Amino acid sequence: MKTEKVNGHRIKCYDNGGKSCDRYTVVYLDEPYQYCSGDTGYCCLGMSEHPSHPQGFGQHCSCQVGKHLGKRILFKDLPPDCQDLVYGETALI
């Protein structure tokens, strides 16, 4: 699966199948950085299905790309509320 672009930013999307409250992860690939360990990290957005709901979850964090994030999915397969949050966030980057 190729890297996708949203608002000109390269991303990868993941779904962990509901194993945690941050079921969906969108990784922003534009500016990788190095952890002290030498591993490559990326800015990302972890979300529940309804991240803007009072009982939802949506948080910026950092991550390493890998299968621990879940199954790779296409941006169009993210729930609509997650897509909306990503569209709003990429406008700020």
PDB file of N, CA and C in Angstrom:
ATOM      1  N   MET A   1       0.851  -1.174   0.000  1.00  0.00           N
ATOM      2  CA  MET A   1       0.000   0.000   0.000  1.00  0.00           C
ATOM      3  C   MET A   1       0.899   1.240   0.000  1.00  0.00           C
ATOM      4  N   LYS A   2       0.626   2.135  -0.905  1.00  0.00           N
ATOM      5  CA  LYS A   2       1.444   3.331  -1.039  1.00  0.00           C
ATOM      6  C   LYS A   2       1.080   4.379   0.010  1.00  0.00           C
ATOM      7  N   THR A   3       2.008   5.294   0.224  1.00  0.00           N
ATOM      8  CA  THR A   3       1.763   6.438   1.088  1.00  0.00           C
ATOM      9  C   THR A   3       0.718   7.322   0.420  1.00  0.00           C
ATOM     10  N   GLU A   4      -0.198   7.865   1.216  1.00  0.00           N
ATOM     11  CA  GLU A   4      -1.238   8.747   0.690  1.00  0.00           C
ATOM     12  C   GLU A   4      -0.888  10.193   1.004  1.00  0.00           C
ATOM     13  N   LYS A   5      -1.582  11.110   0.343  1.00  0.00           N
ATOM     14  CA  LYS A   5      -1.423  12.538   0.629  1.00  0.00           C
ATOM     15  C   LYS A   5      -2.778  13.129   0.997  1.00  0.00           C
ATOM     16  N   VAL A   6      -2.777  13.909   2.074  1.00  0.00           N
ATOM     17  CA  VAL A   6      -3.965  14.653   2.497  1.00  0.00           C
ATOM     18  C   VAL A   6      -3.514  16.095   2.667  1.00  0.00           C
ATOM     19  N   ASN A   7      -4.148  16.990   1.967  1.00  0.00           N
ATOM     20  CA  ASN A   7      -3.774  18.415   1.988  1.00  0.00           C
ATOM     21  C   ASN A   7      -2.275  18.602   1.730  1.00  0.00           C
ATOM     22  N   GLY A   8      -1.713  17.753   0.861  1.00  0.00           N
ATOM     23  CA  GLY A   8      -0.306  17.873   0.499  1.00  0.00           C
ATOM     24  C   GLY A   8       0.667  17.214   1.453  1.00  0.00           C
ATOM     25  N   HIS A   9       0.176  16.588   2.518  1.00  0.00           N
ATOM     26  CA  HIS A   9       1.040  15.941   3.511  1.00  0.00           C
ATOM     27  C   HIS A   9       0.986  14.427   3.344  1.00  0.00           C
ATOM     28  N   ARG A  10       2.164  13.820   3.355  1.00  0.00           N
ATOM     29  CA  ARG A  10       2.237  12.368   3.234  1.00  0.00           C
ATOM     30  C   ARG A  10       1.840  11.715   4.564  1.00  0.00           C
ATOM     31  N   ILE A  11       0.930  10.725   4.473  1.00  0.00           N
ATOM     32  CA  ILE A  11       0.455  10.049   5.677  1.00  0.00           C
ATOM     33  C   ILE A  11       0.362   8.544   5.458  1.00  0.00           C
ATOM     34  N   LYS A  12       0.325   7.826   6.580  1.00  0.00           N
ATOM     35  CA  LYS A  12      -0.040   6.412   6.613  1.00  0.00           C
ATOM     36  C   LYS A  12      -1.079   6.272   7.707  1.00  0.00           C
ATOM     37  N   CYS A  13      -2.104   5.449   7.464  1.00  0.00           N
ATOM     38  CA  CYS A  13      -3.191   5.251   8.421  1.00  0.00           C
ATOM     39  C   CYS A  13      -3.200   3.807   8.913  1.00  0.00           C
ATOM     40  N   TYR A  14      -3.552   3.638  10.183  1.00  0.00           N
ATOM     41  CA  TYR A  14      -3.586   2.313  10.810  1.00  0.00           C
ATOM     42  C   TYR A  14      -4.850   2.149  11.650  1.00  0.00           C
ATOM     43  N   ASP A  15      -5.289   0.896  11.784  1.00  0.00           N
ATOM     44  CA  ASP A  15      -6.434   0.526  12.618  1.00  0.00           C
ATOM     45  C   ASP A  15      -6.024  -0.685  13.443  1.00  0.00           C
ATOM     46  N   ASN A  16      -6.066  -0.568  14.771  1.00  0.00           N
ATOM     47  CA  ASN A  16      -5.668  -1.692  15.611  1.00  0.00           C
ATOM     48  C   ASN A  16      -6.841  -2.591  15.985  1.00  0.00           C
ATOM     49  N   GLY A  17      -7.989  -2.379  15.347  1.00  0.00           N
ATOM     50  CA  GLY A  17      -9.141  -3.254  15.563  1.00  0.00           C
ATOM     51  C   GLY A  17      -9.848  -3.052  16.880  1.00  0.00           C
ATOM     52  N   GLY A  18      -9.584  -1.961  17.570  1.00  0.00           N
ATOM     53  CA  GLY A  18     -10.259  -1.674  18.832  1.00  0.00           C
ATOM     54  C   GLY A  18      -9.527  -2.187  20.053  1.00  0.00           C
ATOM     55  N   LYS A  19      -8.245  -2.493  19.927  1.00  0.00           N
ATOM     56  CA  LYS A  19      -7.465  -2.998  21.067  1.00  0.00           C
ATOM     57  C   LYS A  19      -7.175  -1.923  22.104  1.00  0.00           C
ATOM     58  N   SER A  20      -7.353  -0.651  21.731  1.00  0.00           N
ATOM     59  CA  SER A  20      -7.093   0.450  22.663  1.00  0.00           C
ATOM     60  C   SER A  20      -7.993   1.624  22.296  1.00  0.00           C
ATOM     61  N   CYS A  21      -8.042   2.624  23.176  1.00  0.00           N
ATOM     62  CA  CYS A  21      -8.901   3.782  22.908  1.00  0.00           C
ATOM     63  C   CYS A  21      -8.417   4.586  21.709  1.00  0.00           C
ATOM     64  N   ASP A  22      -7.125   4.484  21.405  1.00  0.00           N
ATOM     65  CA  ASP A  22      -6.603   5.157  20.212  1.00  0.00           C
ATOM     66  C   ASP A  22      -6.525   4.151  19.057  1.00  0.00           C
ATOM     67  N   ARG A  23      -7.693   3.646  18.709  1.00  0.00           N
ATOM     68  CA  ARG A  23      -7.808   2.602  17.690  1.00  0.00           C
ATOM     69  C   ARG A  23      -7.165   3.005  16.362  1.00  0.00           C
ATOM     70  N   TYR A  24      -7.357   4.247  15.962  1.00  0.00           N
ATOM     71  CA  TYR A  24      -6.863   4.724  14.669  1.00  0.00           C
ATOM     72  C   TYR A  24      -5.635   5.607  14.883  1.00  0.00           C
ATOM     73  N   THR A  25      -4.635   5.409  14.039  1.00  0.00           N
ATOM     74  CA  THR A  25      -3.430   6.232  14.085  1.00  0.00           C
ATOM     75  C   THR A  25      -3.131   6.741  12.687  1.00  0.00           C
ATOM     76  N   VAL A  26      -2.937   8.041  12.578  1.00  0.00           N
ATOM     77  CA  VAL A  26      -2.494   8.647  11.329  1.00  0.00           C
ATOM     78  C   VAL A  26      -1.086   9.170  11.567  1.00  0.00           C
ATOM     79  N   VAL A  27      -0.145   8.668  10.783  1.00  0.00           N
ATOM     80  CA  VAL A  27       1.264   9.027  10.917  1.00  0.00           C
ATOM     81  C   VAL A  27       1.605  10.051   9.839  1.00  0.00           C
ATOM     82  N   TYR A  28       2.171  11.184  10.263  1.00  0.00           N
ATOM     83  CA  TYR A  28       2.586  12.249   9.338  1.00  0.00           C
ATOM     84  C   TYR A  28       4.055  12.015   8.985  1.00  0.00           C
ATOM     85  N   LEU A  29       4.320  11.742   7.728  1.00  0.00           N
ATOM     86  CA  LEU A  29       5.649  11.323   7.289  1.00  0.00           C
ATOM     87  C   LEU A  29       6.533  12.462   6.789  1.00  0.00           C
ATOM     88  N   ASP A  30       6.033  13.679   6.805  1.00  0.00           N
ATOM     89  CA  ASP A  30       6.767  14.811   6.229  1.00  0.00           C
ATOM     90  C   ASP A  30       8.090  15.113   6.916  1.00  0.00           C
ATOM     91  N   GLU A  31       8.154  14.990   8.233  1.00  0.00           N
ATOM     92  CA  GLU A  31       9.356  15.390   8.964  1.00  0.00           C
ATOM     93  C   GLU A  31       9.780  14.330   9.980  1.00  0.00           C
ATOM     94  N   PRO A  32      10.434  13.270   9.506  1.00  0.00           N
ATOM     95  CA  PRO A  32      10.919  12.265  10.462  1.00  0.00           C
ATOM     96  C   PRO A  32      12.008  12.861  11.352  1.00  0.00           C
ATOM     97  N   TYR A  33      12.190  12.285  12.522  1.00  0.00           N
ATOM     98  CA  TYR A  33      13.248  12.731  13.429  1.00  0.00           C
ATOM     99  C   TYR A  33      13.860  11.508  14.091  1.00  0.00           C
ATOM    100  N   GLN A  34      14.965  11.704  14.743  1.00  0.00           N
ATOM    101  CA  GLN A  34      15.682  10.610  15.386  1.00  0.00           C
ATOM    102  C   GLN A  34      15.459  10.625  16.893  1.00  0.00           C
ATOM    103  N   TYR A  35      15.042   9.475  17.439  1.00  0.00           N
ATOM    104  CA  TYR A  35      15.014   9.299  18.886  1.00  0.00           C
ATOM    105  C   TYR A  35      16.463   9.165  19.371  1.00  0.00           C
ATOM    106  N   CYS A  36      16.685   9.320  20.651  1.00  0.00           N
ATOM    107  CA  CYS A  36      18.029   9.158  21.216  1.00  0.00           C
ATOM    108  C   CYS A  36      18.602   7.778  20.900  1.00  0.00           C
ATOM    109  N   SER A  37      17.729   6.789  20.756  1.00  0.00           N
ATOM    110  CA  SER A  37      18.167   5.422  20.454  1.00  0.00           C
ATOM    111  C   SER A  37      18.641   5.272  19.013  1.00  0.00           C
ATOM    112  N   GLY A  38      18.366   6.295  18.186  1.00  0.00           N
ATOM    113  CA  GLY A  38      18.722   6.219  16.779  1.00  0.00           C
ATOM    114  C   GLY A  38      17.576   5.782  15.890  1.00  0.00           C
ATOM    115  N   ASP A  39      16.484   5.332  16.502  1.00  0.00           N
ATOM    116  CA  ASP A  39      15.311   4.934  15.726  1.00  0.00           C
ATOM    117  C   ASP A  39      14.617   6.159  15.156  1.00  0.00           C
ATOM    118  N   THR A  40      13.885   5.973  14.063  1.00  0.00           N
ATOM    119  CA  THR A  40      13.172   7.068  13.422  1.00  0.00           C
ATOM    120  C   THR A  40      11.773   7.197  14.002  1.00  0.00           C
ATOM    121  N   GLY A  41      11.381   8.411  14.332  1.00  0.00           N
ATOM    122  CA  GLY A  41      10.055   8.694  14.853  1.00  0.00           C
ATOM    123  C   GLY A  41       9.313   9.675  13.961  1.00  0.00           C
ATOM    124  N   TYR A  42       8.011   9.706  14.145  1.00  0.00           N
ATOM    125  CA  TYR A  42       7.139  10.582  13.357  1.00  0.00           C
ATOM    126  C   TYR A  42       6.069  11.186  14.258  1.00  0.00           C
ATOM    127  N   CYS A  43       5.590  12.341  13.896  1.00  0.00           N
ATOM    128  CA  CYS A  43       4.419  12.903  14.552  1.00  0.00           C
ATOM    129  C   CYS A  43       3.210  12.095  14.096  1.00  0.00           C
ATOM    130  N   CYS A  44       2.266  11.914  14.991  1.00  0.00           N
ATOM    131  CA  CYS A  44       1.073  11.157  14.625  1.00  0.00           C
ATOM    132  C   CYS A  44      -0.132  11.669  15.412  1.00  0.00           C
ATOM    133  N   LEU A  45      -1.275  11.166  15.031  1.00  0.00           N
ATOM    134  CA  LEU A  45      -2.538  11.500  15.683  1.00  0.00           C
ATOM    135  C   LEU A  45      -3.239  10.202  16.007  1.00  0.00           C
ATOM    136  N   GLY A  46      -3.420   9.921  17.296  1.00  0.00           N
ATOM    137  CA  GLY A  46      -4.143   8.732  17.739  1.00  0.00           C
ATOM    138  C   GLY A  46      -5.580   9.118  18.049  1.00  0.00           C
ATOM    139  N   MET A  47      -6.545   8.280  17.601  1.00  0.00           N
ATOM    140  CA  MET A  47      -7.961   8.664  17.714  1.00  0.00           C
ATOM    141  C   MET A  47      -8.865   7.469  17.976  1.00  0.00           C
ATOM    142  N   SER A  48      -9.981   7.754  18.633  1.00  0.00           N
ATOM    143  CA  SER A  48     -11.088   6.812  18.694  1.00  0.00           C
ATOM    144  C   SER A  48     -11.982   7.082  17.479  1.00  0.00           C
ATOM    145  N   GLU A  49     -13.063   6.350  17.357  1.00  0.00           N
ATOM    146  CA  GLU A  49     -13.953   6.515  16.206  1.00  0.00           C
ATOM    147  C   GLU A  49     -14.561   7.913  16.130  1.00  0.00           C
ATOM    148  N   HIS A  50     -14.822   8.498  17.290  1.00  0.00           N
ATOM    149  CA  HIS A  50     -15.393   9.850  17.358  1.00  0.00           C
ATOM    150  C   HIS A  50     -14.477  10.723  18.222  1.00  0.00           C
ATOM    151  N   PRO A  51     -13.350  11.161  17.676  1.00  0.00           N
ATOM    152  CA  PRO A  51     -12.340  11.844  18.492  1.00  0.00           C
ATOM    153  C   PRO A  51     -12.758  13.185  19.082  1.00  0.00           C
ATOM    154  N   SER A  52     -13.755  13.840  18.508  1.00  0.00           N
ATOM    155  CA  SER A  52     -14.180  15.147  19.023  1.00  0.00           C
ATOM    156  C   SER A  52     -15.330  15.044  20.012  1.00  0.00           C
ATOM    157  N   HIS A  53     -15.842  13.847  20.218  1.00  0.00           N
ATOM    158  CA  HIS A  53     -16.928  13.623  21.178  1.00  0.00           C
ATOM    159  C   HIS A  53     -16.366  13.774  22.598  1.00  0.00           C
ATOM    160  N   PRO A  54     -17.164  14.261  23.554  1.00  0.00           N
ATOM    161  CA  PRO A  54     -16.664  14.418  24.930  1.00  0.00           C
ATOM    162  C   PRO A  54     -16.080  13.130  25.528  1.00  0.00           C
ATOM    163  N   GLN A  55     -16.582  11.977  25.100  1.00  0.00           N
ATOM    164  CA  GLN A  55     -16.033  10.717  25.597  1.00  0.00           C
ATOM    165  C   GLN A  55     -15.094  10.059  24.579  1.00  0.00           C
ATOM    166  N   GLY A  56     -14.739  10.794  23.544  1.00  0.00           N
ATOM    167  CA  GLY A  56     -13.831  10.281  22.521  1.00  0.00           C
ATOM    168  C   GLY A  56     -12.383  10.562  22.885  1.00  0.00           C
ATOM    169  N   PHE A  57     -11.508  10.156  22.009  1.00  0.00           N
ATOM    170  CA  PHE A  57     -10.075  10.336  22.232  1.00  0.00           C
ATOM    171  C   PHE A  57      -9.424  10.818  20.946  1.00  0.00           C
ATOM    172  N   GLY A  58      -8.637  11.861  21.039  1.00  0.00           N
ATOM    173  CA  GLY A  58      -7.865  12.367  19.912  1.00  0.00           C
ATOM    174  C   GLY A  58      -6.660  13.101  20.465  1.00  0.00           C
ATOM    175  N   GLN A  59      -5.466  12.584  20.197  1.00  0.00           N
ATOM    176  CA  GLN A  59      -4.272  13.170  20.802  1.00  0.00           C
ATOM    177  C   GLN A  59      -3.080  13.083  19.857  1.00  0.00           C
ATOM    178  N   HIS A  60      -2.310  14.167  19.806  1.00  0.00           N
ATOM    179  CA  HIS A  60      -1.050  14.152  19.069  1.00  0.00           C
ATOM    180  C   HIS A  60      -0.011  13.440  19.905  1.00  0.00           C
ATOM    181  N   CYS A  61       0.853  12.730  19.232  1.00  0.00           N
ATOM    182  CA  CYS A  61       1.931  12.033  19.920  1.00  0.00           C
ATOM    183  C   CYS A  61       3.026  11.740  18.900  1.00  0.00           C
ATOM    184  N   SER A  62       3.979  10.930  19.285  1.00  0.00           N
ATOM    185  CA  SER A  62       4.999  10.489  18.349  1.00  0.00           C
ATOM    186  C   SER A  62       4.968   8.970  18.319  1.00  0.00           C
ATOM    187  N   CYS A  63       5.451   8.410  17.224  1.00  0.00           N
ATOM    188  CA  CYS A  63       5.437   6.957  17.106  1.00  0.00           C
ATOM    189  C   CYS A  63       6.503   6.499  16.127  1.00  0.00           C
ATOM    190  N   GLN A  64       6.706   5.208  16.153  1.00  0.00           N
ATOM    191  CA  GLN A  64       7.490   4.541  15.136  1.00  0.00           C
ATOM    192  C   GLN A  64       6.509   3.760  14.288  1.00  0.00           C
ATOM    193  N   VAL A  65       6.729   3.721  12.999  1.00  0.00           N
ATOM    194  CA  VAL A  65       5.853   2.986  12.098  1.00  0.00           C
ATOM    195  C   VAL A  65       6.118   1.495  12.280  1.00  0.00           C
ATOM    196  N   GLY A  66       5.042   0.717  12.336  1.00  0.00           N
ATOM    197  CA  GLY A  66       5.196  -0.730  12.464  1.00  0.00           C
ATOM    198  C   GLY A  66       3.873  -1.411  12.704  1.00  0.00           C
ATOM    199  N   LYS A  67       3.901  -2.735  12.714  1.00  0.00           N
ATOM    200  CA  LYS A  67       2.659  -3.497  12.854  1.00  0.00           C
ATOM    201  C   LYS A  67       2.032  -3.356  14.238  1.00  0.00           C
ATOM    202  N   HIS A  68       2.778  -2.823  15.212  1.00  0.00           N
ATOM    203  CA  HIS A  68       2.202  -2.583  16.538  1.00  0.00           C
ATOM    204  C   HIS A  68       1.074  -1.537  16.477  1.00  0.00           C
ATOM    205  N   LEU A  69       1.033  -0.742  15.391  1.00  0.00           N
ATOM    206  CA  LEU A  69      -0.030   0.251  15.219  1.00  0.00           C
ATOM    207  C   LEU A  69      -1.312  -0.378  14.679  1.00  0.00           C
ATOM    208  N   GLY A  70      -1.223  -1.599  14.211  1.00  0.00           N
ATOM    209  CA  GLY A  70      -2.389  -2.283  13.660  1.00  0.00           C
ATOM    210  C   GLY A  70      -2.244  -2.502  12.166  1.00  0.00           C
ATOM    211  N   LYS A  71      -3.369  -2.706  11.536  1.00  0.00           N
ATOM    212  CA  LYS A  71      -3.420  -2.976  10.103  1.00  0.00           C
ATOM    213  C   LYS A  71      -3.418  -1.667   9.325  1.00  0.00           C
ATOM    214  N   ARG A  72      -2.620  -1.603   8.256  1.00  0.00           N
ATOM    215  CA  ARG A  72      -2.637  -0.424   7.382  1.00  0.00           C
ATOM    216  C   ARG A  72      -3.994  -0.340   6.702  1.00  0.00           C
ATOM    217  N   ILE A  73      -4.556   0.845   6.693  1.00  0.00           N
ATOM    218  CA  ILE A  73      -5.815   1.093   5.999  1.00  0.00           C
ATOM    219  C   ILE A  73      -5.664   2.342   5.139  1.00  0.00           C
ATOM    220  N   LEU A  74      -6.586   2.521   4.241  1.00  0.00           N
ATOM    221  CA  LEU A  74      -6.618   3.726   3.425  1.00  0.00           C
ATOM    222  C   LEU A  74      -7.291   4.852   4.204  1.00  0.00           C
ATOM    223  N   PHE A  75      -6.919   6.077   3.876  1.00  0.00           N
ATOM    224  CA  PHE A  75      -7.526   7.235   4.525  1.00  0.00           C
ATOM    225  C   PHE A  75      -9.041   7.193   4.404  1.00  0.00           C
ATOM    226  N   LYS A  76      -9.550   6.790   3.247  1.00  0.00           N
ATOM    227  CA  LYS A  76     -10.994   6.754   3.020  1.00  0.00           C
ATOM    228  C   LYS A  76     -11.697   5.740   3.921  1.00  0.00           C
ATOM    229  N   ASP A  77     -10.932   4.806   4.514  1.00  0.00           N
ATOM    230  CA  ASP A  77     -11.508   3.807   5.407  1.00  0.00           C
ATOM    231  C   ASP A  77     -11.545   4.256   6.867  1.00  0.00           C
ATOM    232  N   LEU A  78     -10.951   5.419   7.173  1.00  0.00           N
ATOM    233  CA  LEU A  78     -11.090   5.992   8.519  1.00  0.00           C
ATOM    234  C   LEU A  78     -12.538   6.436   8.716  1.00  0.00           C
ATOM    235  N   PRO A  79     -13.059   6.394   9.945  1.00  0.00           N
ATOM    236  CA  PRO A  79     -14.393   6.933  10.191  1.00  0.00           C
ATOM    237  C   PRO A  79     -14.446   8.417   9.790  1.00  0.00           C
ATOM    238  N   PRO A  80     -15.613   8.891   9.366  1.00  0.00           N
ATOM    239  CA  PRO A  80     -15.740  10.285   8.932  1.00  0.00           C
ATOM    240  C   PRO A  80     -15.237  11.302   9.957  1.00  0.00           C
ATOM    241  N   ASP A  81     -15.507  11.087  11.249  1.00  0.00           N
ATOM    242  CA  ASP A  81     -15.041  12.034  12.271  1.00  0.00           C
ATOM    243  C   ASP A  81     -13.513  12.084  12.331  1.00  0.00           C
ATOM    244  N   CYS A  82     -12.861  10.961  12.107  1.00  0.00           N
ATOM    245  CA  CYS A  82     -11.391  10.926  12.094  1.00  0.00           C
ATOM    246  C   CYS A  82     -10.863  11.653  10.863  1.00  0.00           C
ATOM    247  N   GLN A  83     -11.499  11.435   9.732  1.00  0.00           N
ATOM    248  CA  GLN A  83     -11.091  12.142   8.514  1.00  0.00           C
ATOM    249  C   GLN A  83     -11.212  13.652   8.706  1.00  0.00           C
ATOM    250  N   ASP A  84     -12.321  14.083   9.309  1.00  0.00           N
ATOM    251  CA  ASP A  84     -12.517  15.524   9.546  1.00  0.00           C
ATOM    252  C   ASP A  84     -11.419  16.097  10.424  1.00  0.00           C
ATOM    253  N   LEU A  85     -11.031  15.358  11.471  1.00  0.00           N
ATOM    254  CA  LEU A  85      -9.980  15.841  12.365  1.00  0.00           C
ATOM    255  C   LEU A  85      -8.643  15.929  11.622  1.00  0.00           C
ATOM    256  N   VAL A  86      -8.344  14.949  10.808  1.00  0.00           N
ATOM    257  CA  VAL A  86      -7.099  14.969  10.038  1.00  0.00           C
ATOM    258  C   VAL A  86      -7.104  16.130   9.050  1.00  0.00           C
ATOM    259  N   TYR A  87      -8.224  16.346   8.361  1.00  0.00           N
ATOM    260  CA  TYR A  87      -8.296  17.485   7.430  1.00  0.00           C
ATOM    261  C   TYR A  87      -8.046  18.786   8.170  1.00  0.00           C
ATOM    262  N   GLY A  88      -8.617  18.955   9.342  1.00  0.00           N
ATOM    263  CA  GLY A  88      -8.410  20.170  10.124  1.00  0.00           C
ATOM    264  C   GLY A  88      -6.988  20.296  10.623  1.00  0.00           C
ATOM    265  N   GLU A  89      -6.374  19.187  11.028  1.00  0.00           N
ATOM    266  CA  GLU A  89      -5.012  19.209  11.554  1.00  0.00           C
ATOM    267  C   GLU A  89      -3.999  19.500  10.463  1.00  0.00           C
ATOM    268  N   THR A  90      -4.165  18.912   9.284  1.00  0.00           N
ATOM    269  CA  THR A  90      -3.173  19.121   8.235  1.00  0.00           C
ATOM    270  C   THR A  90      -3.210  20.546   7.720  1.00  0.00           C
ATOM    271  N   ALA A  91      -4.329  21.229   7.915  1.00  0.00           N
ATOM    272  CA  ALA A  91      -4.397  22.635   7.515  1.00  0.00           C
ATOM    273  C   ALA A  91      -3.499  23.494   8.416  1.00  0.00           C
ATOM    274  N   LEU A  92      -3.214  22.994   9.622  1.00  0.00           N
ATOM    275  CA  LEU A  92      -2.404  23.744  10.586  1.00  0.00           C
ATOM    276  C   LEU A  92      -0.914  23.450  10.490  1.00  0.00           C
ATOM    277  N   ILE A  93      -0.568  22.351   9.840  1.00  0.00           N
ATOM    278  CA  ILE A  93       0.841  21.936   9.779  1.00  0.00           C
ATOM    279  C   ILE A  93       1.622  22.815   8.831  1.00  0.00           C
TER     280      ILE A  93
END
